[in-house]
């Protein structure tokens, strides 16, 4: 069974900001490659949607996984619609739990 992977507008913005940050710190080629690899990693959740760690203590049905130990991908899985929703892509030491809870409450 293959799930559909959907990126939230916030996740898309975060990926764009990450690419801009890496471009400024390094090179556009490296930035594009890195962000493309994150997107591919997320798209592969279609095959193994329950990868990662359940974080229902933060939000109901929330799961997180890591990409290269520097990027946290926050997502939910809806078994009824067979959809993985990428809620956020957090780089470095960002407090994703607080950011997601603030977003859910606001």
PDB file of N, CA and C in Angstrom:
ATOM      1  N   UNK A   1       0.840  -1.163   0.000  1.00  0.00           N
ATOM      2  CA  UNK A   1       0.000   0.000   0.000  1.00  0.00           C
ATOM      3  C   UNK A   1       0.895   1.239   0.000  1.00  0.00           C
ATOM      4  N   UNK A   2       0.631   2.139  -0.920  1.00  0.00           N
ATOM      5  CA  UNK A   2       1.408   3.369  -1.035  1.00  0.00           C
ATOM      6  C   UNK A   2       0.555   4.552  -0.599  1.00  0.00           C
ATOM      7  N   UNK A   3       1.104   5.349   0.287  1.00  0.00           N
ATOM      8  CA  UNK A   3       0.422   6.536   0.782  1.00  0.00           C
ATOM      9  C   UNK A   3       0.772   7.740  -0.084  1.00  0.00           C
ATOM     10  N   UNK A   4      -0.098   8.728  -0.072  1.00  0.00           N
ATOM     11  CA  UNK A   4       0.170  10.010  -0.709  1.00  0.00           C
ATOM     12  C   UNK A   4       0.894  10.892   0.302  1.00  0.00           C
ATOM     13  N   UNK A   5       1.918  11.604  -0.150  1.00  0.00           N
ATOM     14  CA  UNK A   5       2.649  12.530   0.718  1.00  0.00           C
ATOM     15  C   UNK A   5       2.296  13.953   0.296  1.00  0.00           C
ATOM     16  N   UNK A   6       1.839  14.746   1.266  1.00  0.00           N
ATOM     17  CA  UNK A   6       1.469  16.140   1.004  1.00  0.00           C
ATOM     18  C   UNK A   6       2.264  17.053   1.929  1.00  0.00           C
ATOM     19  N   UNK A   7       2.803  18.116   1.366  1.00  0.00           N
ATOM     20  CA  UNK A   7       3.574  19.101   2.131  1.00  0.00           C
ATOM     21  C   UNK A   7       2.666  20.273   2.490  1.00  0.00           C
ATOM     22  N   UNK A   8       2.647  20.640   3.762  1.00  0.00           N
ATOM     23  CA  UNK A   8       1.877  21.820   4.175  1.00  0.00           C
ATOM     24  C   UNK A   8       2.562  23.072   3.626  1.00  0.00           C
ATOM     25  N   UNK A   9       1.815  24.160   3.478  1.00  0.00           N
ATOM     26  CA  UNK A   9       2.449  25.414   3.045  1.00  0.00           C
ATOM     27  C   UNK A   9       3.604  25.821   3.965  1.00  0.00           C
ATOM     28  N   UNK A  10       3.445  25.588   5.266  1.00  0.00           N
ATOM     29  CA  UNK A  10       4.508  25.927   6.228  1.00  0.00           C
ATOM     30  C   UNK A  10       5.765  25.111   5.943  1.00  0.00           C
ATOM     31  N   UNK A  11       5.606  23.822   5.661  1.00  0.00           N
ATOM     32  CA  UNK A  11       6.762  22.969   5.365  1.00  0.00           C
ATOM     33  C   UNK A  11       7.463  23.430   4.090  1.00  0.00           C
ATOM     34  N   UNK A  12       6.693  23.817   3.089  1.00  0.00           N
ATOM     35  CA  UNK A  12       7.283  24.314   1.837  1.00  0.00           C
ATOM     36  C   UNK A  12       8.086  25.584   2.111  1.00  0.00           C
ATOM     37  N   UNK A  13       7.523  26.484   2.905  1.00  0.00           N
ATOM     38  CA  UNK A  13       8.234  27.715   3.270  1.00  0.00           C
ATOM     39  C   UNK A  13       9.518  27.393   4.019  1.00  0.00           C
ATOM     40  N   UNK A  14       9.454  26.447   4.946  1.00  0.00           N
ATOM     41  CA  UNK A  14      10.646  26.071   5.707  1.00  0.00           C
ATOM     42  C   UNK A  14      11.723  25.486   4.796  1.00  0.00           C
ATOM     43  N   UNK A  15      11.332  24.697   3.817  1.00  0.00           N
ATOM     44  CA  UNK A  15      12.310  24.147   2.869  1.00  0.00           C
ATOM     45  C   UNK A  15      12.949  25.266   2.048  1.00  0.00           C
ATOM     46  N   UNK A  16      12.149  26.230   1.623  1.00  0.00           N
ATOM     47  CA  UNK A  16      12.687  27.369   0.870  1.00  0.00           C
ATOM     48  C   UNK A  16      13.659  28.177   1.725  1.00  0.00           C
ATOM     49  N   UNK A  17      13.291  28.406   2.988  1.00  0.00           N
ATOM     50  CA  UNK A  17      14.165  29.157   3.892  1.00  0.00           C
ATOM     51  C   UNK A  17      15.457  28.401   4.163  1.00  0.00           C
ATOM     52  N   UNK A  18      15.363  27.088   4.289  1.00  0.00           N
ATOM     53  CA  UNK A  18      16.559  26.269   4.501  1.00  0.00           C
ATOM     54  C   UNK A  18      17.479  26.349   3.288  1.00  0.00           C
ATOM     55  N   UNK A  19      16.895  26.282   2.100  1.00  0.00           N
ATOM     56  CA  UNK A  19      17.711  26.387   0.887  1.00  0.00           C
ATOM     57  C   UNK A  19      18.391  27.755   0.806  1.00  0.00           C
ATOM     58  N   UNK A  20      17.670  28.808   1.147  1.00  0.00           N
ATOM     59  CA  UNK A  20      18.266  30.152   1.157  1.00  0.00           C
ATOM     60  C   UNK A  20      19.416  30.239   2.153  1.00  0.00           C
ATOM     61  N   UNK A  21      19.210  29.676   3.335  1.00  0.00           N
ATOM     62  CA  UNK A  21      20.237  29.703   4.380  1.00  0.00           C
ATOM     63  C   UNK A  21      21.505  28.977   3.927  1.00  0.00           C
ATOM     64  N   UNK A  22      21.338  27.784   3.372  1.00  0.00           N
ATOM     65  CA  UNK A  22      22.507  27.013   2.926  1.00  0.00           C
ATOM     66  C   UNK A  22      23.176  27.701   1.744  1.00  0.00           C
ATOM     67  N   UNK A  23      22.389  28.312   0.872  1.00  0.00           N
ATOM     68  CA  UNK A  23      22.954  29.050  -0.263  1.00  0.00           C
ATOM     69  C   UNK A  23      23.851  30.178   0.230  1.00  0.00           C
ATOM     70  N   UNK A  24      23.387  30.922   1.232  1.00  0.00           N
ATOM     71  CA  UNK A  24      24.175  32.034   1.766  1.00  0.00           C
ATOM     72  C   UNK A  24      25.418  31.543   2.503  1.00  0.00           C
ATOM     73  N   UNK A  25      25.295  30.407   3.180  1.00  0.00           N
ATOM     74  CA  UNK A  25      26.418  29.877   3.960  1.00  0.00           C
ATOM     75  C   UNK A  25      27.395  29.074   3.114  1.00  0.00           C
ATOM     76  N   UNK A  26      26.927  28.576   1.979  1.00  0.00           N
ATOM     77  CA  UNK A  26      27.780  27.701   1.177  1.00  0.00           C
ATOM     78  C   UNK A  26      27.625  27.961  -0.300  1.00  0.00           C
ATOM     79  N   UNK A  27      26.831  27.112  -0.942  1.00  0.00           N
ATOM     80  CA  UNK A  27      26.654  27.270  -2.382  1.00  0.00           C
ATOM     81  C   UNK A  27      25.241  26.880  -2.791  1.00  0.00           C
ATOM     82  N   UNK A  28      24.739  27.479  -3.867  1.00  0.00           N
ATOM     83  CA  UNK A  28      23.402  27.149  -4.349  1.00  0.00           C
ATOM     84  C   UNK A  28      23.271  25.686  -4.771  1.00  0.00           C
ATOM     85  N   UNK A  29      24.334  25.124  -5.308  1.00  0.00           N
ATOM     86  CA  UNK A  29      24.296  23.727  -5.756  1.00  0.00           C
ATOM     87  C   UNK A  29      24.127  22.794  -4.563  1.00  0.00           C
ATOM     88  N   UNK A  30      24.911  23.024  -3.523  1.00  0.00           N
ATOM     89  CA  UNK A  30      24.817  22.196  -2.315  1.00  0.00           C
ATOM     90  C   UNK A  30      23.445  22.376  -1.673  1.00  0.00           C
ATOM     91  N   UNK A  31      22.962  23.605  -1.623  1.00  0.00           N
ATOM     92  CA  UNK A  31      21.656  23.886  -1.021  1.00  0.00           C
ATOM     93  C   UNK A  31      20.543  23.150  -1.756  1.00  0.00           C
ATOM     94  N   UNK A  32      20.546  23.245  -3.074  1.00  0.00           N
ATOM     95  CA  UNK A  32      19.511  22.579  -3.867  1.00  0.00           C
ATOM     96  C   UNK A  32      19.578  21.068  -3.697  1.00  0.00           C
ATOM     97  N   UNK A  33      20.779  20.525  -3.696  1.00  0.00           N
ATOM     98  CA  UNK A  33      20.957  19.082  -3.521  1.00  0.00           C
ATOM     99  C   UNK A  33      20.428  18.618  -2.165  1.00  0.00           C
ATOM    100  N   UNK A  34      20.754  19.381  -1.122  1.00  0.00           N
ATOM    101  CA  UNK A  34      20.349  19.016   0.235  1.00  0.00           C
ATOM    102  C   UNK A  34      18.826  19.052   0.373  1.00  0.00           C
ATOM    103  N   UNK A  35      18.207  20.121  -0.096  1.00  0.00           N
ATOM    104  CA  UNK A  35      16.752  20.248   0.008  1.00  0.00           C
ATOM    105  C   UNK A  35      16.058  19.200  -0.862  1.00  0.00           C
ATOM    106  N   UNK A  36      16.575  18.945  -2.047  1.00  0.00           N
ATOM    107  CA  UNK A  36      16.005  17.888  -2.892  1.00  0.00           C
ATOM    108  C   UNK A  36      16.075  16.532  -2.199  1.00  0.00           C
ATOM    109  N   UNK A  37      17.170  16.274  -1.492  1.00  0.00           N
ATOM    110  CA  UNK A  37      17.317  15.009  -0.767  1.00  0.00           C
ATOM    111  C   UNK A  37      16.306  14.913   0.377  1.00  0.00           C
ATOM    112  N   UNK A  38      16.044  16.021   1.053  1.00  0.00           N
ATOM    113  CA  UNK A  38      15.024  16.022   2.113  1.00  0.00           C
ATOM    114  C   UNK A  38      13.650  15.728   1.515  1.00  0.00           C
ATOM    115  N   UNK A  39      13.343  16.351   0.401  1.00  0.00           N
ATOM    116  CA  UNK A  39      12.054  16.123  -0.259  1.00  0.00           C
ATOM    117  C   UNK A  39      11.913  14.660  -0.660  1.00  0.00           C
ATOM    118  N   UNK A  40      12.958  14.083  -1.223  1.00  0.00           N
ATOM    119  CA  UNK A  40      12.934  12.665  -1.597  1.00  0.00           C
ATOM    120  C   UNK A  40      12.730  11.787  -0.372  1.00  0.00           C
ATOM    121  N   UNK A  41      13.425  12.113   0.710  1.00  0.00           N
ATOM    122  CA  UNK A  41      13.277  11.371   1.959  1.00  0.00           C
ATOM    123  C   UNK A  41      11.819  11.417   2.426  1.00  0.00           C
ATOM    124  N   UNK A  42      11.226  12.602   2.378  1.00  0.00           N
ATOM    125  CA  UNK A  42       9.820  12.750   2.766  1.00  0.00           C
ATOM    126  C   UNK A  42       8.902  11.953   1.842  1.00  0.00           C
ATOM    127  N   UNK A  43       9.153  12.022   0.556  1.00  0.00           N
ATOM    128  CA  UNK A  43       8.323  11.286  -0.402  1.00  0.00           C
ATOM    129  C   UNK A  43       8.407   9.779  -0.179  1.00  0.00           C
ATOM    130  N   UNK A  44       9.540   9.306   0.326  1.00  0.00           N
ATOM    131  CA  UNK A  44       9.684   7.881   0.617  1.00  0.00           C
ATOM    132  C   UNK A  44       8.848   7.435   1.810  1.00  0.00           C
ATOM    133  N   UNK A  45       8.309   8.383   2.564  1.00  0.00           N
ATOM    134  CA  UNK A  45       7.368   8.026   3.625  1.00  0.00           C
ATOM    135  C   UNK A  45       6.112   7.389   3.039  1.00  0.00           C
ATOM    136  N   UNK A  46       5.898   7.541   1.745  1.00  0.00           N
ATOM    137  CA  UNK A  46       4.748   6.909   1.092  1.00  0.00           C
ATOM    138  C   UNK A  46       4.807   5.389   1.206  1.00  0.00           C
ATOM    139  N   UNK A  47       6.014   4.847   1.295  1.00  0.00           N
ATOM    140  CA  UNK A  47       6.186   3.395   1.395  1.00  0.00           C
ATOM    141  C   UNK A  47       6.220   2.909   2.836  1.00  0.00           C
ATOM    142  N   UNK A  48       6.760   3.715   3.728  1.00  0.00           N
ATOM    143  CA  UNK A  48       6.876   3.364   5.149  1.00  0.00           C
ATOM    144  C   UNK A  48       6.376   4.538   5.995  1.00  0.00           C
ATOM    145  N   UNK A  49       5.062   4.762   6.022  1.00  0.00           N
ATOM    146  CA  UNK A  49       4.534   5.960   6.680  1.00  0.00           C
ATOM    147  C   UNK A  49       4.691   5.992   8.196  1.00  0.00           C
ATOM    148  N   UNK A  50       4.879   4.862   8.820  1.00  0.00           N
ATOM    149  CA  UNK A  50       4.995   4.853  10.280  1.00  0.00           C
ATOM    150  C   UNK A  50       6.437   4.879  10.748  1.00  0.00           C
ATOM    151  N   UNK A  51       7.328   5.289   9.873  1.00  0.00           N
ATOM    152  CA  UNK A  51       8.732   5.464  10.232  1.00  0.00           C
ATOM    153  C   UNK A  51       8.835   6.550  11.300  1.00  0.00           C
ATOM    154  N   UNK A  52       9.897   6.510  12.049  1.00  0.00           N
ATOM    155  CA  UNK A  52      10.130   7.567  13.027  1.00  0.00           C
ATOM    156  C   UNK A  52       9.524   7.261  14.377  1.00  0.00           C
ATOM    157  N   UNK A  53       9.307   8.320  15.131  1.00  0.00           N
ATOM    158  CA  UNK A  53       8.873   8.215  16.524  1.00  0.00           C
ATOM    159  C   UNK A  53       7.515   8.897  16.682  1.00  0.00           C
ATOM    160  N   UNK A  54       6.616   8.235  17.384  1.00  0.00           N
ATOM    161  CA  UNK A  54       5.334   8.849  17.707  1.00  0.00           C
ATOM    162  C   UNK A  54       5.561   9.979  18.709  1.00  0.00           C
ATOM    163  N   UNK A  55       4.980  11.139  18.433  1.00  0.00           N
ATOM    164  CA  UNK A  55       5.085  12.294  19.337  1.00  0.00           C
ATOM    165  C   UNK A  55       3.690  12.837  19.640  1.00  0.00           C
ATOM    166  N   UNK A  56       2.806  11.927  20.015  1.00  0.00           N
ATOM    167  CA  UNK A  56       1.445  12.333  20.353  1.00  0.00           C
ATOM    168  C   UNK A  56       1.399  13.201  21.602  1.00  0.00           C
ATOM    169  N   UNK A  57       2.510  13.254  22.345  1.00  0.00           N
ATOM    170  CA  UNK A  57       2.588  14.166  23.486  1.00  0.00           C
ATOM    171  C   UNK A  57       2.632  15.623  23.035  1.00  0.00           C
ATOM    172  N   UNK A  58       2.998  15.838  21.776  1.00  0.00           N
ATOM    173  CA  UNK A  58       3.066  17.192  21.215  1.00  0.00           C
ATOM    174  C   UNK A  58       1.763  17.522  20.490  1.00  0.00           C
ATOM    175  N   UNK A  59       1.361  16.646  19.571  1.00  0.00           N
ATOM    176  CA  UNK A  59       0.115  16.788  18.808  1.00  0.00           C
ATOM    177  C   UNK A  59      -0.440  15.397  18.518  1.00  0.00           C
ATOM    178  N   UNK A  60      -1.759  15.250  18.468  1.00  0.00           N
ATOM    179  CA  UNK A  60      -2.329  13.944  18.120  1.00  0.00           C
ATOM    180  C   UNK A  60      -1.840  13.478  16.747  1.00  0.00           C
ATOM    181  N   UNK A  61      -1.484  12.243  16.647  1.00  0.00           N
ATOM    182  CA  UNK A  61      -1.003  11.539  15.437  1.00  0.00           C
ATOM    183  C   UNK A  61       0.340  12.044  14.903  1.00  0.00           C
ATOM    184  N   UNK A  62       1.009  12.930  15.634  1.00  0.00           N
ATOM    185  CA  UNK A  62       2.298  13.457  15.167  1.00  0.00           C
ATOM    186  C   UNK A  62       3.384  12.395  15.248  1.00  0.00           C
ATOM    187  N   UNK A  63       4.206  12.359  14.222  1.00  0.00           N
ATOM    188  CA  UNK A  63       5.397  11.520  14.194  1.00  0.00           C
ATOM    189  C   UNK A  63       6.562  12.404  13.760  1.00  0.00           C
ATOM    190  N   UNK A  64       7.769  12.027  14.158  1.00  0.00           N
ATOM    191  CA  UNK A  64       8.961  12.741  13.695  1.00  0.00           C
ATOM    192  C   UNK A  64      10.002  11.737  13.243  1.00  0.00           C
ATOM    193  N   UNK A  65      10.800  12.176  12.309  1.00  0.00           N
ATOM    194  CA  UNK A  65      11.945  11.405  11.861  1.00  0.00           C
ATOM    195  C   UNK A  65      13.067  12.394  11.581  1.00  0.00           C
ATOM    196  N   UNK A  66      14.268  11.880  11.479  1.00  0.00           N
ATOM    197  CA  UNK A  66      15.435  12.737  11.253  1.00  0.00           C
ATOM    198  C   UNK A  66      16.005  12.487   9.865  1.00  0.00           C
ATOM    199  N   UNK A  67      16.523  13.544   9.279  1.00  0.00           N
ATOM    200  CA  UNK A  67      17.297  13.413   8.049  1.00  0.00           C
ATOM    201  C   UNK A  67      18.719  13.854   8.370  1.00  0.00           C
ATOM    202  N   UNK A  68      19.653  12.947   8.251  1.00  0.00           N
ATOM    203  CA  UNK A  68      21.082  13.190   8.501  1.00  0.00           C
ATOM    204  C   UNK A  68      21.369  13.805   9.869  1.00  0.00           C
ATOM    205  N   UNK A  69      20.561  13.495  10.841  1.00  0.00           N
ATOM    206  CA  UNK A  69      20.761  13.929  12.229  1.00  0.00           C
ATOM    207  C   UNK A  69      20.784  15.446  12.403  1.00  0.00           C
ATOM    208  N   UNK A  70      20.428  16.208  11.381  1.00  0.00           N
ATOM    209  CA  UNK A  70      20.422  17.667  11.510  1.00  0.00           C
ATOM    210  C   UNK A  70      19.063  18.272  11.203  1.00  0.00           C
ATOM    211  N   UNK A  71      18.186  17.502  10.610  1.00  0.00           N
ATOM    212  CA  UNK A  71      16.892  18.016  10.190  1.00  0.00           C
ATOM    213  C   UNK A  71      15.791  17.114  10.731  1.00  0.00           C
ATOM    214  N   UNK A  72      14.829  17.710  11.418  1.00  0.00           N
ATOM    215  CA  UNK A  72      13.690  16.957  11.938  1.00  0.00           C
ATOM    216  C   UNK A  72      12.506  17.196  11.016  1.00  0.00           C
ATOM    217  N   UNK A  73      11.870  16.114  10.634  1.00  0.00           N
ATOM    218  CA  UNK A  73      10.682  16.181   9.790  1.00  0.00           C
ATOM    219  C   UNK A  73       9.492  15.779  10.662  1.00  0.00           C
ATOM    220  N   UNK A  74       8.536  16.687  10.795  1.00  0.00           N
ATOM    221  CA  UNK A  74       7.330  16.431  11.583  1.00  0.00           C
ATOM    222  C   UNK A  74       6.181  16.140  10.618  1.00  0.00           C
ATOM    223  N   UNK A  75       5.459  15.050  10.885  1.00  0.00           N
ATOM    224  CA  UNK A  75       4.395  14.651   9.973  1.00  0.00           C
ATOM    225  C   UNK A  75       3.300  13.895  10.704  1.00  0.00           C
ATOM    226  N   UNK A  76       2.146  13.811  10.056  1.00  0.00           N
ATOM    227  CA  UNK A  76       1.053  12.995  10.560  1.00  0.00           C
ATOM    228  C   UNK A  76       0.705  11.959   9.505  1.00  0.00           C
ATOM    229  N   UNK A  77       0.098  10.878   9.966  1.00  0.00           N
ATOM    230  CA  UNK A  77      -0.315   9.803   9.071  1.00  0.00           C
ATOM    231  C   UNK A  77      -1.807   9.578   9.269  1.00  0.00           C
ATOM    232  N   UNK A  78      -2.554   9.627   8.180  1.00  0.00           N
ATOM    233  CA  UNK A  78      -3.986   9.339   8.215  1.00  0.00           C
ATOM    234  C   UNK A  78      -4.210   8.033   7.461  1.00  0.00           C
ATOM    235  N   UNK A  79      -4.454   6.964   8.214  1.00  0.00           N
ATOM    236  CA  UNK A  79      -4.628   5.646   7.605  1.00  0.00           C
ATOM    237  C   UNK A  79      -5.906   5.574   6.772  1.00  0.00           C
ATOM    238  N   UNK A  80      -6.936   6.329   7.161  1.00  0.00           N
ATOM    239  CA  UNK A  80      -8.201   6.293   6.422  1.00  0.00           C
ATOM    240  C   UNK A  80      -8.044   6.830   5.003  1.00  0.00           C
ATOM    241  N   UNK A  81      -7.295   7.916   4.861  1.00  0.00           N
ATOM    242  CA  UNK A  81      -7.104   8.511   3.531  1.00  0.00           C
ATOM    243  C   UNK A  81      -5.770   8.113   2.907  1.00  0.00           C
ATOM    244  N   UNK A  82      -4.991   7.317   3.659  1.00  0.00           N
ATOM    245  CA  UNK A  82      -3.656   6.892   3.207  1.00  0.00           C
ATOM    246  C   UNK A  82      -2.808   8.098   2.797  1.00  0.00           C
ATOM    247  N   UNK A  83      -2.747   9.066   3.723  1.00  0.00           N
ATOM    248  CA  UNK A  83      -2.014  10.304   3.466  1.00  0.00           C
ATOM    249  C   UNK A  83      -1.005  10.577   4.569  1.00  0.00           C
ATOM    250  N   UNK A  84       0.194  10.943   4.154  1.00  0.00           N
ATOM    251  CA  UNK A  84       1.220  11.448   5.063  1.00  0.00           C
ATOM    252  C   UNK A  84       1.272  12.954   4.831  1.00  0.00           C
ATOM    253  N   UNK A  85       1.058  13.720   5.889  1.00  0.00           N
ATOM    254  CA  UNK A  85       1.092  15.182   5.789  1.00  0.00           C
ATOM    255  C   UNK A  85       2.350  15.700   6.469  1.00  0.00           C
ATOM    256  N   UNK A  86       3.233  16.297   5.690  1.00  0.00           N
ATOM    257  CA  UNK A  86       4.455  16.887   6.234  1.00  0.00           C
ATOM    258  C   UNK A  86       4.072  18.245   6.819  1.00  0.00           C
ATOM    259  N   UNK A  87       4.183  18.364   8.140  1.00  0.00           N
ATOM    260  CA  UNK A  87       3.784  19.598   8.822  1.00  0.00           C
ATOM    261  C   UNK A  87       4.913  20.599   8.933  1.00  0.00           C
ATOM    262  N   UNK A  88       6.145  20.087   9.051  1.00  0.00           N
ATOM    263  CA  UNK A  88       7.266  20.994   9.218  1.00  0.00           C
ATOM    264  C   UNK A  88       8.597  20.316   9.003  1.00  0.00           C
ATOM    265  N   UNK A  89       9.572  21.130   8.627  1.00  0.00           N
ATOM    266  CA  UNK A  89      10.950  20.681   8.430  1.00  0.00           C
ATOM    267  C   UNK A  89      11.812  21.624   9.260  1.00  0.00           C
ATOM    268  N   UNK A  90      12.428  21.082  10.303  1.00  0.00           N
ATOM    269  CA  UNK A  90      13.144  21.898  11.282  1.00  0.00           C
ATOM    270  C   UNK A  90      14.624  21.558  11.247  1.00  0.00           C
ATOM    271  N   UNK A  91      15.439  22.578  11.057  1.00  0.00           N
ATOM    272  CA  UNK A  91      16.877  22.401  10.884  1.00  0.00           C
ATOM    273  C   UNK A  91      17.606  22.782  12.158  1.00  0.00           C
ATOM    274  N   UNK A  92      18.629  22.024  12.472  1.00  0.00           N
ATOM    275  CA  UNK A  92      19.471  22.362  13.619  1.00  0.00           C
ATOM    276  C   UNK A  92      18.732  22.200  14.926  1.00  0.00           C
ATOM    277  N   UNK A  93      18.898  23.155  15.797  1.00  0.00           N
ATOM    278  CA  UNK A  93      18.353  23.054  17.144  1.00  0.00           C
ATOM    279  C   UNK A  93      17.000  23.704  17.337  1.00  0.00           C
ATOM    280  N   UNK A  94      16.244  23.895  16.267  1.00  0.00           N
ATOM    281  CA  UNK A  94      14.936  24.514  16.409  1.00  0.00           C
ATOM    282  C   UNK A  94      14.051  23.671  17.328  1.00  0.00           C
ATOM    283  N   UNK A  95      13.270  24.327  18.178  1.00  0.00           N
ATOM    284  CA  UNK A  95      12.362  23.644  19.099  1.00  0.00           C
ATOM    285  C   UNK A  95      11.052  23.357  18.364  1.00  0.00           C
ATOM    286  N   UNK A  96      11.048  22.258  17.618  1.00  0.00           N
ATOM    287  CA  UNK A  96       9.891  21.942  16.788  1.00  0.00           C
ATOM    288  C   UNK A  96       8.637  21.705  17.623  1.00  0.00           C
ATOM    289  N   UNK A  97       8.785  21.112  18.808  1.00  0.00           N
ATOM    290  CA  UNK A  97       7.616  20.827  19.644  1.00  0.00           C
ATOM    291  C   UNK A  97       6.903  22.127  20.020  1.00  0.00           C
ATOM    292  N   UNK A  98       7.650  23.108  20.469  1.00  0.00           N
ATOM    293  CA  UNK A  98       7.052  24.393  20.843  1.00  0.00           C
ATOM    294  C   UNK A  98       6.453  25.095  19.628  1.00  0.00           C
ATOM    295  N   UNK A  99       7.150  25.057  18.505  1.00  0.00           N
ATOM    296  CA  UNK A  99       6.652  25.716  17.300  1.00  0.00           C
ATOM    297  C   UNK A  99       5.352  25.080  16.813  1.00  0.00           C
ATOM    298  N   UNK A 100       5.277  23.756  16.840  1.00  0.00           N
ATOM    299  CA  UNK A 100       4.064  23.075  16.397  1.00  0.00           C
ATOM    300  C   UNK A 100       2.911  23.303  17.366  1.00  0.00           C
ATOM    301  N   UNK A 101       3.194  23.304  18.659  1.00  0.00           N
ATOM    302  CA  UNK A 101       2.140  23.551  19.644  1.00  0.00           C
ATOM    303  C   UNK A 101       1.625  24.977  19.540  1.00  0.00           C
ATOM    304  N   UNK A 102       2.526  25.946  19.337  1.00  0.00           N
ATOM    305  CA  UNK A 102       2.105  27.339  19.161  1.00  0.00           C
ATOM    306  C   UNK A 102       1.207  27.476  17.942  1.00  0.00           C
ATOM    307  N   UNK A 103       1.581  26.808  16.857  1.00  0.00           N
ATOM    308  CA  UNK A 103       0.815  26.865  15.622  1.00  0.00           C
ATOM    309  C   UNK A 103      -0.559  26.232  15.816  1.00  0.00           C
ATOM    310  N   UNK A 104      -0.609  25.126  16.564  1.00  0.00           N
ATOM    311  CA  UNK A 104      -1.867  24.431  16.809  1.00  0.00           C
ATOM    312  C   UNK A 104      -2.788  25.257  17.709  1.00  0.00           C
ATOM    313  N   UNK A 105      -2.209  26.025  18.625  1.00  0.00           N
ATOM    314  CA  UNK A 105      -2.997  26.831  19.559  1.00  0.00           C
ATOM    315  C   UNK A 105      -3.366  28.204  19.002  1.00  0.00           C
ATOM    316  N   UNK A 106      -2.665  28.618  17.939  1.00  0.00           N
ATOM    317  CA  UNK A 106      -2.873  29.983  17.461  1.00  0.00           C
ATOM    318  C   UNK A 106      -3.616  30.034  16.216  1.00  0.00           C
TER     319      UNK A 106
END
